[in-house]
Structure formats: structure tokens, C-alpha cells
């Protein structure tokens, strides 16, 4: 099966972009991290570095939402947060990229 590689630059800032804690580490390590700030960083924060967590907390445009319960995965909890965000918006996205 062929893989399609889409550059991060195609992600529109109008879409809700969320990082789960482990992925936030990966994006934090990128030299161009300022170009890809999410609206949300979420998770139980068991796998995010303190440096990455503090970096995202220092950004006014990023909501850092800790979801400490272990009943659902970080991914599932992130989808719920995005869904709540979308429900409050007057215009709904036509595309959801995971």
C-alpha cells in the first residue's frame, strides 16, 4: 500500500489542531515548532517532557488540558475534546485529519 506524505504546512489554522502528550514531544523537538502550534495539547501527560509541557503552557494560543483518568486512551479523550470544540463553532469543518 502506498503512503501519502502530506506536509504539515497544508493544515489550515482554522481547523482545530490537537496534540496528544507523546506527539507534543515530537513536535516540540522540531526546529520549526513555532509554525505548528496546536489549539490544544491534551493527555494524561505521562509521556510529555517537562520542557515541552512548559513550552506549550507558555503559548497563549494553546489550551493545555490534562485528562488524568485512565479509563480511556489519550487519543479517545483528545477526540472528545475536539468534538466539544467543533460543536461550539458556528462553521463546522468538512475534513477531519487524524
C-alpha atoms as a PDB file:
ATOM      1  CA  UNK A   1       0.000   0.000   0.000  1.00  0.00           C
ATOM      2  CA  UNK A   2       1.360   3.420  -0.954  1.00  0.00           C
ATOM      3  CA  UNK A   3       1.868   6.037   1.717  1.00  0.00           C
ATOM      4  CA  UNK A   4       0.845   9.598   1.108  1.00  0.00           C
ATOM      5  CA  UNK A   5       3.043  12.145   2.846  1.00  0.00           C
ATOM      6  CA  UNK A   6       1.283  15.425   3.403  1.00  0.00           C
ATOM      7  CA  UNK A   7       3.374  18.373   4.563  1.00  0.00           C
ATOM      8  CA  UNK A   8       2.239  19.915   7.818  1.00  0.00           C
ATOM      9  CA  UNK A   9       2.011  23.279   6.092  1.00  0.00           C
ATOM     10  CA  UNK A  10      -1.304  22.291   4.480  1.00  0.00           C
ATOM     11  CA  UNK A  11      -3.033  22.230   7.840  1.00  0.00           C
ATOM     12  CA  UNK A  12      -5.206  25.295   7.967  1.00  0.00           C
ATOM     13  CA  UNK A  13      -5.187  27.329  11.163  1.00  0.00           C
ATOM     14  CA  UNK A  14      -8.988  27.300  11.005  1.00  0.00           C
ATOM     15  CA  UNK A  15      -9.074  23.604  11.822  1.00  0.00           C
ATOM     16  CA  UNK A  16      -8.780  22.513  15.437  1.00  0.00           C
ATOM     17  CA  UNK A  17      -5.306  21.044  15.758  1.00  0.00           C
ATOM     18  CA  UNK A  18      -4.618  18.968  18.854  1.00  0.00           C
ATOM     19  CA  UNK A  19      -1.516  17.177  20.079  1.00  0.00           C
ATOM     20  CA  UNK A  20      -1.681  14.271  22.491  1.00  0.00           C
ATOM     21  CA  UNK A  21       1.146  14.357  25.023  1.00  0.00           C
ATOM     22  CA  UNK A  22       3.598  11.997  23.282  1.00  0.00           C
ATOM     23  CA  UNK A  23       3.124  13.686  19.893  1.00  0.00           C
ATOM     24  CA  UNK A  24       3.621  17.066  21.550  1.00  0.00           C
ATOM     25  CA  UNK A  25       7.178  15.923  22.379  1.00  0.00           C
ATOM     26  CA  UNK A  26       7.837  15.119  18.735  1.00  0.00           C
ATOM     27  CA  UNK A  27       6.547  18.479  17.540  1.00  0.00           C
ATOM     28  CA  UNK A  28       8.420  20.295  20.312  1.00  0.00           C
ATOM     29  CA  UNK A  29      11.685  18.771  19.057  1.00  0.00           C
ATOM     30  CA  UNK A  30      11.199  20.221  15.551  1.00  0.00           C
ATOM     31  CA  UNK A  31      13.228  23.349  14.737  1.00  0.00           C
ATOM     32  CA  UNK A  32      10.118  24.863  13.092  1.00  0.00           C
ATOM     33  CA  UNK A  33       7.812  24.161  16.047  1.00  0.00           C
ATOM     34  CA  UNK A  34       6.600  27.781  16.154  1.00  0.00           C
ATOM     35  CA  UNK A  35       4.955  27.200  12.763  1.00  0.00           C
ATOM     36  CA  UNK A  36       2.789  24.340  14.035  1.00  0.00           C
ATOM     37  CA  UNK A  37       1.218  25.374  17.305  1.00  0.00           C
ATOM     38  CA  UNK A  38      -1.941  23.445  18.141  1.00  0.00           C
ATOM     39  CA  UNK A  39      -5.109  24.801  19.670  1.00  0.00           C
ATOM     40  CA  UNK A  40      -4.935  22.005  22.259  1.00  0.00           C
ATOM     41  CA  UNK A  41      -2.359  19.814  23.977  1.00  0.00           C
ATOM     42  CA  UNK A  42      -4.097  17.088  25.894  1.00  0.00           C
ATOM     43  CA  UNK A  43      -3.463  13.781  27.605  1.00  0.00           C
ATOM     44  CA  UNK A  44      -2.569  12.387  30.993  1.00  0.00           C
ATOM     45  CA  UNK A  45       0.910  13.877  30.477  1.00  0.00           C
ATOM     46  CA  UNK A  46       2.728  10.705  31.430  1.00  0.00           C
ATOM     47  CA  UNK A  47       4.872  10.840  28.286  1.00  0.00           C
ATOM     48  CA  UNK A  48       5.407  14.555  27.671  1.00  0.00           C
ATOM     49  CA  UNK A  49       8.666  16.142  28.774  1.00  0.00           C
ATOM     50  CA  UNK A  50       8.565  18.975  31.292  1.00  0.00           C
ATOM     51  CA  UNK A  51      10.256  21.250  28.741  1.00  0.00           C
ATOM     52  CA  UNK A  52       7.616  20.530  26.097  1.00  0.00           C
ATOM     53  CA  UNK A  53       4.750  20.923  28.564  1.00  0.00           C
ATOM     54  CA  UNK A  54       6.068  24.270  29.818  1.00  0.00           C
ATOM     55  CA  UNK A  55       6.662  25.441  26.248  1.00  0.00           C
ATOM     56  CA  UNK A  56       3.035  24.805  25.270  1.00  0.00           C
ATOM     57  CA  UNK A  57       1.747  26.280  28.535  1.00  0.00           C
ATOM     58  CA  UNK A  58       3.671  29.475  27.760  1.00  0.00           C
ATOM     59  CA  UNK A  59       1.792  29.927  24.475  1.00  0.00           C
ATOM     60  CA  UNK A  60      -1.379  31.992  24.890  1.00  0.00           C
ATOM     61  CA  UNK A  61      -2.956  30.414  21.811  1.00  0.00           C
ATOM     62  CA  UNK A  62      -2.585  26.850  23.156  1.00  0.00           C
ATOM     63  CA  UNK A  63      -5.002  25.320  25.647  1.00  0.00           C
ATOM     64  CA  UNK A  64      -3.271  22.696  27.788  1.00  0.00           C
ATOM     65  CA  UNK A  65      -5.916  20.257  29.011  1.00  0.00           C
ATOM     66  CA  UNK A  66      -4.870  17.470  31.356  1.00  0.00           C
ATOM     67  CA  UNK A  67      -7.093  14.380  31.245  1.00  0.00           C
ATOM     68  CA  UNK A  68      -5.743  12.202  34.066  1.00  0.00           C
ATOM     69  CA  UNK A  69      -8.319   9.409  34.031  1.00  0.00           C
ATOM     70  CA  UNK A  70      -7.089   6.035  32.817  1.00  0.00           C
ATOM     71  CA  UNK A  71     -10.457   4.696  31.642  1.00  0.00           C
ATOM     72  CA  UNK A  72      -9.999   5.956  28.068  1.00  0.00           C
ATOM     73  CA  UNK A  73      -6.889   6.367  25.949  1.00  0.00           C
ATOM     74  CA  UNK A  74      -5.328   9.789  25.432  1.00  0.00           C
ATOM     75  CA  UNK A  75      -6.382   9.570  21.790  1.00  0.00           C
ATOM     76  CA  UNK A  76     -10.034   8.932  22.693  1.00  0.00           C
ATOM     77  CA  UNK A  77     -10.051  11.773  25.204  1.00  0.00           C
ATOM     78  CA  UNK A  78      -8.487  14.069  22.598  1.00  0.00           C
ATOM     79  CA  UNK A  79     -11.209  13.223  20.072  1.00  0.00           C
ATOM     80  CA  UNK A  80     -13.834  14.101  22.691  1.00  0.00           C
ATOM     81  CA  UNK A  81     -12.199  17.481  23.341  1.00  0.00           C
ATOM     82  CA  UNK A  82     -12.027  18.258  19.619  1.00  0.00           C
ATOM     83  CA  UNK A  83     -15.674  17.251  19.220  1.00  0.00           C
ATOM     84  CA  UNK A  84     -16.694  19.601  22.044  1.00  0.00           C
ATOM     85  CA  UNK A  85     -14.721  22.402  20.382  1.00  0.00           C
ATOM     86  CA  UNK A  86     -16.322  21.761  16.978  1.00  0.00           C
ATOM     87  CA  UNK A  87     -19.837  21.713  18.462  1.00  0.00           C
ATOM     88  CA  UNK A  88     -19.320  25.282  19.747  1.00  0.00           C
ATOM     89  CA  UNK A  89     -18.087  26.677  16.431  1.00  0.00           C
ATOM     90  CA  UNK A  90     -20.506  28.381  14.005  1.00  0.00           C
ATOM     91  CA  UNK A  91     -18.809  26.754  10.998  1.00  0.00           C
ATOM     92  CA  UNK A  92     -18.091  23.046  11.064  1.00  0.00           C
ATOM     93  CA  UNK A  93     -15.049  21.612   9.297  1.00  0.00           C
ATOM     94  CA  UNK A  94     -15.574  19.429   6.242  1.00  0.00           C
ATOM     95  CA  UNK A  95     -12.418  17.487   6.953  1.00  0.00           C
ATOM     96  CA  UNK A  96     -11.068  15.687   9.978  1.00  0.00           C
ATOM     97  CA  UNK A  97      -7.435  14.538   9.791  1.00  0.00           C
ATOM     98  CA  UNK A  98      -6.128  12.026  12.304  1.00  0.00           C
END
